[in-house]
Amino acid sequence: MTPYCHVLFEHPAIPGNTGAAIRLCAGTGASLHLAEPLGFNFDDKHLKRAGLDYHDLADVHVHPSLDAALTELTEPSGARVFAFTTHADTWYTDITYEPGDVLLFGTEPTGLTDEALADPRITRQVRVPMLPGRRSMNLSNAASVAAYEAWRQAGFPGGH
């Protein structure tokens, strides 16, 4: 079964954020993809604490690179990739999400790299709106906002 969306983190560095994303994906049915290098290992106590006992309930994939992750997720399916960046003009709510879409987020300190944003597989760059003068949202919070919008548009499949 195709998940309603794939959440993809490019080089996640903070274990607690990835743990929270594991919990998000376990609770909503999204799949989580992590593009190496990772700033932690899966034995990290902060990752385990944030993910609690949800690790076994989540569909988590680790890829050797962002290119490998995008290749697996978009070929041959043609899945769309939405890159979340504070530099975009389009709000995430302006997108009509489809099953299998990829929601791509960058590493915590810097966001998506210029190289990632230039990848031809990126369908569109989007943003989560914020008040002026703020740098960015927490990674797992931004992923939650976007994933729940995609899930809502899909009719909350499997939810109750």
N, C-alpha and C. Protein backbone atom coordinates (compact mmCIF):
# COMPACT_ATOMS: atom_id res chain seq x y z
N MET A 1 0.84 -1.18 0.00
CA MET A 1 0.00 0.00 0.00
C MET A 1 0.88 1.25 0.00
N THR A 2 0.57 2.21 -0.84
CA THR A 2 1.33 3.45 -0.91
C THR A 2 0.95 4.34 0.27
N PRO A 3 1.93 4.81 1.03
CA PRO A 3 1.59 5.71 2.13
C PRO A 3 1.04 7.03 1.57
N TYR A 4 0.24 7.73 2.35
CA TYR A 4 -0.32 8.99 1.88
C TYR A 4 0.80 9.99 1.60
N CYS A 5 1.96 9.86 2.25
CA CYS A 5 3.12 10.67 1.91
C CYS A 5 4.38 10.05 2.50
N HIS A 6 5.50 10.52 1.98
CA HIS A 6 6.82 10.15 2.49
C HIS A 6 7.44 11.42 3.07
N VAL A 7 7.91 11.35 4.30
CA VAL A 7 8.63 12.45 4.91
C VAL A 7 10.11 12.11 4.77
N LEU A 8 10.87 13.02 4.16
CA LEU A 8 12.28 12.79 3.89
C LEU A 8 13.12 13.88 4.54
N PHE A 9 14.06 13.48 5.40
CA PHE A 9 14.98 14.41 6.05
C PHE A 9 16.35 14.26 5.40
N GLU A 10 16.90 15.38 4.91
CA GLU A 10 18.26 15.39 4.38
C GLU A 10 19.21 15.63 5.54
N HIS A 11 20.05 14.68 5.84
CA HIS A 11 21.10 14.78 6.86
C HIS A 11 20.59 15.26 8.23
N PRO A 12 19.62 14.57 8.82
CA PRO A 12 19.14 15.02 10.14
C PRO A 12 20.27 14.96 11.16
N ALA A 13 20.32 15.97 12.04
CA ALA A 13 21.43 16.08 12.99
C ALA A 13 21.01 15.93 14.44
N ILE A 14 19.75 16.22 14.76
CA ILE A 14 19.31 16.23 16.15
C ILE A 14 18.43 15.00 16.40
N PRO A 15 18.90 14.09 17.24
CA PRO A 15 18.18 12.82 17.41
C PRO A 15 16.74 13.00 17.91
N GLY A 16 16.50 13.98 18.76
CA GLY A 16 15.14 14.17 19.27
C GLY A 16 14.15 14.53 18.17
N ASN A 17 14.60 15.28 17.17
CA ASN A 17 13.72 15.61 16.05
C ASN A 17 13.37 14.38 15.23
N THR A 18 14.35 13.53 15.00
CA THR A 18 14.07 12.31 14.25
C THR A 18 13.18 11.38 15.07
N GLY A 19 13.41 11.32 16.37
CA GLY A 19 12.53 10.53 17.22
C GLY A 19 11.09 11.02 17.15
N ALA A 20 10.91 12.33 17.18
CA ALA A 20 9.56 12.89 17.08
C ALA A 20 8.95 12.59 15.71
N ALA A 21 9.77 12.60 14.66
CA ALA A 21 9.27 12.27 13.32
C ALA A 21 8.89 10.79 13.23
N ILE A 22 9.63 9.93 13.90
CA ILE A 22 9.26 8.51 13.94
C ILE A 22 7.88 8.37 14.57
N ARG A 23 7.67 9.08 15.64
CA ARG A 23 6.37 9.03 16.33
C ARG A 23 5.27 9.60 15.42
N LEU A 24 5.55 10.70 14.73
CA LEU A 24 4.60 11.29 13.78
C LEU A 24 4.20 10.28 12.72
N CYS A 25 5.19 9.65 12.11
CA CYS A 25 4.91 8.71 11.03
C CYS A 25 4.20 7.47 11.52
N ALA A 26 4.53 7.00 12.70
CA ALA A 26 3.83 5.85 13.28
C ALA A 26 2.37 6.18 13.53
N GLY A 27 2.10 7.41 13.93
CA GLY A 27 0.73 7.81 14.27
C GLY A 27 -0.13 8.19 13.09
N THR A 28 0.48 8.44 11.93
CA THR A 28 -0.30 8.90 10.79
C THR A 28 -0.24 7.98 9.58
N GLY A 29 0.72 7.08 9.53
CA GLY A 29 0.84 6.18 8.39
C GLY A 29 1.76 6.69 7.30
N ALA A 30 2.43 7.81 7.52
CA ALA A 30 3.44 8.27 6.56
C ALA A 30 4.68 7.39 6.72
N SER A 31 5.52 7.37 5.71
CA SER A 31 6.80 6.69 5.87
C SER A 31 7.87 7.75 6.06
N LEU A 32 8.90 7.41 6.83
CA LEU A 32 9.99 8.33 7.13
C LEU A 32 11.25 7.84 6.43
N HIS A 33 11.91 8.76 5.74
CA HIS A 33 13.15 8.45 5.03
C HIS A 33 14.23 9.40 5.52
N LEU A 34 15.38 8.85 5.84
CA LEU A 34 16.51 9.61 6.34
C LEU A 34 17.68 9.45 5.38
N ALA A 35 18.20 10.59 4.88
CA ALA A 35 19.33 10.55 3.95
C ALA A 35 20.61 10.79 4.73
N GLU A 36 21.52 9.82 4.66
CA GLU A 36 22.81 9.94 5.36
C GLU A 36 23.67 11.02 4.74
N PRO A 37 24.64 11.52 5.50
CA PRO A 37 25.02 11.10 6.84
C PRO A 37 24.04 11.62 7.90
N LEU A 38 23.87 10.81 8.94
CA LEU A 38 23.04 11.17 10.08
C LEU A 38 23.93 11.73 11.18
N GLY A 39 23.41 12.65 11.96
CA GLY A 39 24.17 13.25 13.04
C GLY A 39 24.05 12.47 14.34
N PHE A 40 23.66 11.21 14.28
CA PHE A 40 23.42 10.38 15.45
C PHE A 40 23.37 8.93 14.98
N ASN A 41 23.26 8.01 15.94
CA ASN A 41 22.99 6.62 15.57
C ASN A 41 21.69 6.20 16.24
N PHE A 42 21.17 5.08 15.83
CA PHE A 42 19.86 4.66 16.33
C PHE A 42 19.88 4.16 17.76
N ASP A 43 21.05 4.10 18.36
CA ASP A 43 21.14 3.75 19.78
C ASP A 43 21.07 4.99 20.67
N ASP A 44 21.04 6.17 20.07
CA ASP A 44 21.05 7.43 20.82
C ASP A 44 19.86 7.48 21.79
N LYS A 45 20.13 7.80 23.05
CA LYS A 45 19.06 7.82 24.06
C LYS A 45 18.02 8.90 23.77
N HIS A 46 18.43 10.02 23.17
CA HIS A 46 17.48 11.08 22.85
C HIS A 46 16.53 10.66 21.74
N LEU A 47 17.04 9.92 20.77
CA LEU A 47 16.21 9.39 19.70
C LEU A 47 15.18 8.43 20.27
N LYS A 48 15.64 7.53 21.12
CA LYS A 48 14.74 6.55 21.72
C LYS A 48 13.70 7.22 22.61
N ARG A 49 14.11 8.21 23.38
CA ARG A 49 13.18 8.91 24.27
C ARG A 49 12.10 9.61 23.47
N ALA A 50 12.48 10.30 22.41
CA ALA A 50 11.50 11.05 21.61
C ALA A 50 10.58 10.12 20.84
N GLY A 51 11.12 9.00 20.36
CA GLY A 51 10.31 8.05 19.60
C GLY A 51 9.55 7.08 20.47
N LEU A 52 9.88 7.07 21.76
CA LEU A 52 9.27 6.16 22.72
C LEU A 52 9.21 4.75 22.17
N ASP A 53 8.05 4.14 22.23
CA ASP A 53 7.94 2.76 21.76
C ASP A 53 7.35 2.70 20.35
N TYR A 54 7.48 3.77 19.60
CA TYR A 54 6.90 3.85 18.27
C TYR A 54 7.82 3.33 17.17
N HIS A 55 9.07 3.05 17.49
CA HIS A 55 10.03 2.62 16.46
C HIS A 55 9.52 1.41 15.68
N ASP A 56 8.92 0.46 16.37
CA ASP A 56 8.43 -0.75 15.69
C ASP A 56 7.14 -0.50 14.91
N LEU A 57 6.48 0.62 15.15
CA LEU A 57 5.22 0.92 14.48
C LEU A 57 5.41 1.83 13.27
N ALA A 58 6.60 2.35 13.09
CA ALA A 58 6.86 3.29 12.01
C ALA A 58 7.59 2.60 10.85
N ASP A 59 7.34 3.12 9.67
CA ASP A 59 8.00 2.65 8.45
C ASP A 59 9.17 3.60 8.19
N VAL A 60 10.38 3.20 8.62
CA VAL A 60 11.56 4.07 8.55
C VAL A 60 12.59 3.45 7.61
N HIS A 61 13.13 4.29 6.73
CA HIS A 61 14.14 3.86 5.76
C HIS A 61 15.35 4.79 5.86
N VAL A 62 16.54 4.23 5.86
CA VAL A 62 17.77 5.01 5.85
C VAL A 62 18.42 4.81 4.49
N HIS A 63 18.77 5.92 3.84
CA HIS A 63 19.36 5.90 2.50
C HIS A 63 20.79 6.43 2.58
N PRO A 64 21.68 5.92 1.75
CA PRO A 64 23.09 6.36 1.81
C PRO A 64 23.31 7.81 1.38
N SER A 65 22.33 8.41 0.71
CA SER A 65 22.47 9.80 0.26
C SER A 65 21.09 10.34 -0.11
N LEU A 66 21.01 11.64 -0.27
CA LEU A 66 19.76 12.24 -0.73
C LEU A 66 19.44 11.77 -2.14
N ASP A 67 20.45 11.68 -2.99
CA ASP A 67 20.23 11.21 -4.36
C ASP A 67 19.63 9.81 -4.36
N ALA A 68 20.16 8.93 -3.52
CA ALA A 68 19.64 7.56 -3.45
C ALA A 68 18.19 7.54 -2.97
N ALA A 69 17.88 8.37 -1.99
CA ALA A 69 16.51 8.44 -1.48
C ALA A 69 15.56 8.95 -2.56
N LEU A 70 15.94 10.03 -3.24
CA LEU A 70 15.07 10.58 -4.28
C LEU A 70 14.90 9.61 -5.44
N THR A 71 15.96 8.90 -5.78
CA THR A 71 15.87 7.91 -6.85
C THR A 71 14.87 6.82 -6.47
N GLU A 72 14.99 6.30 -5.27
CA GLU A 72 14.08 5.23 -4.84
C GLU A 72 12.64 5.71 -4.77
N LEU A 73 12.44 6.94 -4.32
CA LEU A 73 11.08 7.44 -4.11
C LEU A 73 10.41 7.96 -5.38
N THR A 74 11.19 8.35 -6.38
CA THR A 74 10.58 8.96 -7.57
C THR A 74 10.66 8.10 -8.82
N GLU A 75 11.50 7.09 -8.83
CA GLU A 75 11.64 6.26 -10.03
C GLU A 75 11.19 4.85 -9.72
N PRO A 76 10.35 4.23 -10.45
CA PRO A 76 9.67 4.73 -11.65
C PRO A 76 8.32 5.38 -11.34
N SER A 77 7.99 5.57 -10.07
CA SER A 77 6.64 6.03 -9.70
C SER A 77 6.31 7.44 -10.19
N GLY A 78 7.34 8.25 -10.38
CA GLY A 78 7.07 9.63 -10.77
C GLY A 78 6.54 10.48 -9.62
N ALA A 79 6.76 10.03 -8.39
CA ALA A 79 6.26 10.77 -7.22
C ALA A 79 6.75 12.21 -7.25
N ARG A 80 5.91 13.09 -6.76
CA ARG A 80 6.26 14.51 -6.68
C ARG A 80 7.05 14.77 -5.40
N VAL A 81 7.96 15.74 -5.47
CA VAL A 81 8.80 16.09 -4.33
C VAL A 81 8.59 17.56 -4.01
N PHE A 82 8.19 17.84 -2.78
CA PHE A 82 8.00 19.20 -2.31
C PHE A 82 9.09 19.52 -1.30
N ALA A 83 9.94 20.48 -1.67
CA ALA A 83 11.07 20.87 -0.83
C ALA A 83 10.64 22.03 0.06
N PHE A 84 10.74 21.83 1.36
CA PHE A 84 10.34 22.85 2.32
C PHE A 84 11.52 23.75 2.63
N THR A 85 11.34 25.05 2.38
CA THR A 85 12.39 26.02 2.58
C THR A 85 11.78 27.38 2.94
N THR A 86 12.47 28.12 3.78
CA THR A 86 11.99 29.45 4.15
C THR A 86 12.12 30.42 2.99
N HIS A 87 12.79 30.03 1.91
CA HIS A 87 13.01 30.91 0.76
C HIS A 87 11.90 30.81 -0.29
N ALA A 88 10.95 29.91 -0.10
CA ALA A 88 9.89 29.71 -1.09
C ALA A 88 8.79 30.76 -0.93
N ASP A 89 8.05 30.98 -2.01
CA ASP A 89 6.91 31.89 -1.98
C ASP A 89 5.58 31.16 -1.85
N THR A 90 5.56 29.87 -2.15
CA THR A 90 4.32 29.08 -2.13
C THR A 90 4.13 28.46 -0.75
N TRP A 91 2.94 28.64 -0.19
CA TRP A 91 2.63 28.02 1.10
C TRP A 91 2.30 26.55 0.90
N TYR A 92 2.61 25.74 1.90
CA TYR A 92 2.34 24.30 1.84
C TYR A 92 0.86 24.01 1.67
N THR A 93 -0.02 24.92 2.10
CA THR A 93 -1.46 24.73 1.98
C THR A 93 -1.97 25.01 0.57
N ASP A 94 -1.12 25.58 -0.29
CA ASP A 94 -1.51 25.84 -1.68
C ASP A 94 -1.34 24.62 -2.57
N ILE A 95 -0.84 23.54 -2.01
CA ILE A 95 -0.57 22.31 -2.76
C ILE A 95 -1.74 21.35 -2.58
N THR A 96 -2.14 20.69 -3.65
CA THR A 96 -3.10 19.59 -3.56
C THR A 96 -2.25 18.32 -3.56
N TYR A 97 -2.12 17.70 -2.39
CA TYR A 97 -1.25 16.55 -2.23
C TYR A 97 -1.89 15.30 -2.80
N GLU A 98 -1.03 14.40 -3.27
CA GLU A 98 -1.45 13.12 -3.83
C GLU A 98 -0.74 11.99 -3.09
N PRO A 99 -1.34 10.79 -3.04
CA PRO A 99 -0.68 9.67 -2.38
C PRO A 99 0.72 9.45 -2.96
N GLY A 100 1.68 9.24 -2.09
CA GLY A 100 3.05 8.98 -2.50
C GLY A 100 3.92 10.21 -2.63
N ASP A 101 3.34 11.42 -2.42
CA ASP A 101 4.16 12.63 -2.47
C ASP A 101 5.27 12.57 -1.44
N VAL A 102 6.38 13.24 -1.75
CA VAL A 102 7.54 13.31 -0.87
C VAL A 102 7.64 14.72 -0.31
N LEU A 103 7.71 14.81 1.02
CA LEU A 103 7.87 16.08 1.72
C LEU A 103 9.32 16.12 2.20
N LEU A 104 10.12 16.96 1.58
CA LEU A 104 11.57 17.00 1.81
C LEU A 104 11.95 18.16 2.72
N PHE A 105 12.71 17.85 3.76
CA PHE A 105 13.16 18.85 4.74
C PHE A 105 14.67 18.74 4.91
N GLY A 106 15.31 19.88 5.16
CA GLY A 106 16.75 19.92 5.34
C GLY A 106 17.18 19.73 6.77
N THR A 107 18.48 19.72 6.95
CA THR A 107 19.06 19.53 8.28
C THR A 107 18.73 20.71 9.18
N GLU A 108 18.72 20.47 10.47
CA GLU A 108 18.27 21.46 11.43
C GLU A 108 19.05 22.78 11.39
N PRO A 109 20.35 22.76 11.36
CA PRO A 109 21.03 24.06 11.45
C PRO A 109 20.90 24.94 10.21
N THR A 110 20.77 24.33 9.02
CA THR A 110 20.88 25.13 7.81
C THR A 110 19.73 24.97 6.82
N GLY A 111 18.88 24.00 6.98
CA GLY A 111 17.85 23.74 5.98
C GLY A 111 18.41 22.98 4.80
N LEU A 112 17.67 22.96 3.72
CA LEU A 112 18.10 22.23 2.52
C LEU A 112 19.28 22.94 1.87
N THR A 113 20.20 22.15 1.38
CA THR A 113 21.36 22.71 0.68
C THR A 113 20.94 23.28 -0.67
N ASP A 114 21.74 24.17 -1.21
CA ASP A 114 21.48 24.71 -2.55
C ASP A 114 21.45 23.58 -3.57
N GLU A 115 22.33 22.60 -3.40
CA GLU A 115 22.37 21.46 -4.31
C GLU A 115 21.05 20.69 -4.27
N ALA A 116 20.52 20.46 -3.08
CA ALA A 116 19.25 19.75 -2.95
C ALA A 116 18.12 20.54 -3.60
N LEU A 117 18.09 21.85 -3.35
CA LEU A 117 17.03 22.68 -3.91
C LEU A 117 17.08 22.76 -5.44
N ALA A 118 18.27 22.54 -6.02
CA ALA A 118 18.43 22.59 -7.47
C ALA A 118 18.16 21.25 -8.15
N ASP A 119 17.90 20.20 -7.36
CA ASP A 119 17.68 18.88 -7.94
C ASP A 119 16.48 18.91 -8.89
N PRO A 120 16.62 18.40 -10.10
CA PRO A 120 15.52 18.45 -11.06
C PRO A 120 14.30 17.63 -10.65
N ARG A 121 14.43 16.76 -9.65
CA ARG A 121 13.28 15.98 -9.20
C ARG A 121 12.39 16.77 -8.25
N ILE A 122 12.83 17.95 -7.84
CA ILE A 122 12.00 18.80 -6.98
C ILE A 122 10.84 19.34 -7.82
N THR A 123 9.63 19.06 -7.39
CA THR A 123 8.44 19.53 -8.09
C THR A 123 8.20 21.00 -7.81
N ARG A 124 8.33 21.36 -6.53
CA ARG A 124 8.08 22.75 -6.14
C ARG A 124 8.70 22.98 -4.77
N GLN A 125 9.15 24.21 -4.55
CA GLN A 125 9.61 24.63 -3.23
C GLN A 125 8.43 25.28 -2.52
N VAL A 126 8.24 24.90 -1.26
CA VAL A 126 7.11 25.41 -0.48
C VAL A 126 7.60 25.82 0.91
N ARG A 127 6.75 26.56 1.60
CA ARG A 127 7.12 27.02 2.94
C ARG A 127 5.94 26.91 3.88
N VAL A 128 6.25 26.84 5.15
CA VAL A 128 5.27 26.97 6.22
C VAL A 128 5.34 28.43 6.65
N PRO A 129 4.22 29.18 6.56
CA PRO A 129 4.29 30.60 6.89
C PRO A 129 4.59 30.83 8.37
N MET A 130 5.30 31.93 8.62
CA MET A 130 5.64 32.33 9.99
C MET A 130 5.58 33.85 10.06
N LEU A 131 5.61 34.35 11.25
CA LEU A 131 5.69 35.80 11.44
C LEU A 131 7.05 36.30 10.95
N PRO A 132 7.11 37.54 10.50
CA PRO A 132 8.39 38.10 10.03
C PRO A 132 9.44 38.10 11.14
N GLY A 133 10.70 37.98 10.73
CA GLY A 133 11.81 38.06 11.68
C GLY A 133 12.15 36.75 12.37
N ARG A 134 11.45 35.67 12.02
CA ARG A 134 11.75 34.36 12.60
C ARG A 134 12.55 33.57 11.58
N ARG A 135 13.57 32.84 12.03
CA ARG A 135 14.43 32.10 11.10
C ARG A 135 13.74 30.89 10.52
N SER A 136 13.21 30.03 11.38
CA SER A 136 12.59 28.80 10.90
C SER A 136 11.88 28.11 12.05
N MET A 137 11.13 27.07 11.69
CA MET A 137 10.47 26.23 12.69
C MET A 137 11.39 25.07 13.05
N ASN A 138 11.09 24.44 14.15
CA ASN A 138 11.73 23.19 14.52
C ASN A 138 11.44 22.16 13.43
N LEU A 139 12.42 21.34 13.08
CA LEU A 139 12.29 20.38 11.98
C LEU A 139 11.10 19.45 12.16
N SER A 140 10.98 18.80 13.30
CA SER A 140 9.88 17.84 13.48
C SER A 140 8.54 18.56 13.52
N ASN A 141 8.49 19.79 14.01
CA ASN A 141 7.24 20.55 14.00
C ASN A 141 6.83 20.88 12.57
N ALA A 142 7.77 21.34 11.76
CA ALA A 142 7.46 21.66 10.36
C ALA A 142 7.00 20.41 9.61
N ALA A 143 7.66 19.29 9.85
CA ALA A 143 7.25 18.04 9.20
C ALA A 143 5.85 17.64 9.64
N SER A 144 5.53 17.85 10.90
CA SER A 144 4.19 17.51 11.41
C SER A 144 3.12 18.37 10.75
N VAL A 145 3.37 19.66 10.67
CA VAL A 145 2.40 20.57 10.04
C VAL A 145 2.11 20.10 8.61
N ALA A 146 3.17 19.83 7.85
CA ALA A 146 3.01 19.44 6.45
C ALA A 146 2.38 18.06 6.30
N ALA A 147 2.84 17.10 7.08
CA ALA A 147 2.32 15.74 6.97
C ALA A 147 0.84 15.69 7.33
N TYR A 148 0.44 16.43 8.35
CA TYR A 148 -0.98 16.43 8.72
C TYR A 148 -1.83 17.08 7.65
N GLU A 149 -1.32 18.08 6.94
CA GLU A 149 -2.08 18.67 5.83
C GLU A 149 -2.24 17.65 4.71
N ALA A 150 -1.19 16.94 4.37
CA ALA A 150 -1.28 15.91 3.34
C ALA A 150 -2.26 14.81 3.77
N TRP A 151 -2.20 14.42 5.04
CA TRP A 151 -3.10 13.37 5.55
C TRP A 151 -4.54 13.86 5.55
N ARG A 152 -4.75 15.12 5.94
CA ARG A 152 -6.10 15.69 5.94
C ARG A 152 -6.67 15.67 4.53
N GLN A 153 -5.88 16.11 3.57
CA GLN A 153 -6.36 16.13 2.19
C GLN A 153 -6.68 14.73 1.67
N ALA A 154 -5.98 13.73 2.17
CA ALA A 154 -6.23 12.35 1.76
C ALA A 154 -7.46 11.76 2.46
N GLY A 155 -8.05 12.51 3.40
CA GLY A 155 -9.22 12.02 4.14
C GLY A 155 -8.86 11.24 5.39
N PHE A 156 -7.67 11.46 5.90
CA PHE A 156 -7.18 10.76 7.10
C PHE A 156 -7.35 9.24 6.99
N PRO A 157 -6.81 8.61 5.93
CA PRO A 157 -6.97 7.17 5.79
C PRO A 157 -6.40 6.41 6.99
N GLY A 158 -7.20 5.51 7.51
CA GLY A 158 -6.80 4.69 8.66
C GLY A 158 -6.97 5.40 9.99
N GLY A 159 -7.27 6.68 9.98
CA GLY A 159 -7.41 7.43 11.23
C GLY A 159 -8.77 7.23 11.88
N HIS A 160 -8.82 7.57 13.13
CA HIS A 160 -10.11 7.51 13.85
C HIS A 160 -10.20 8.66 14.81
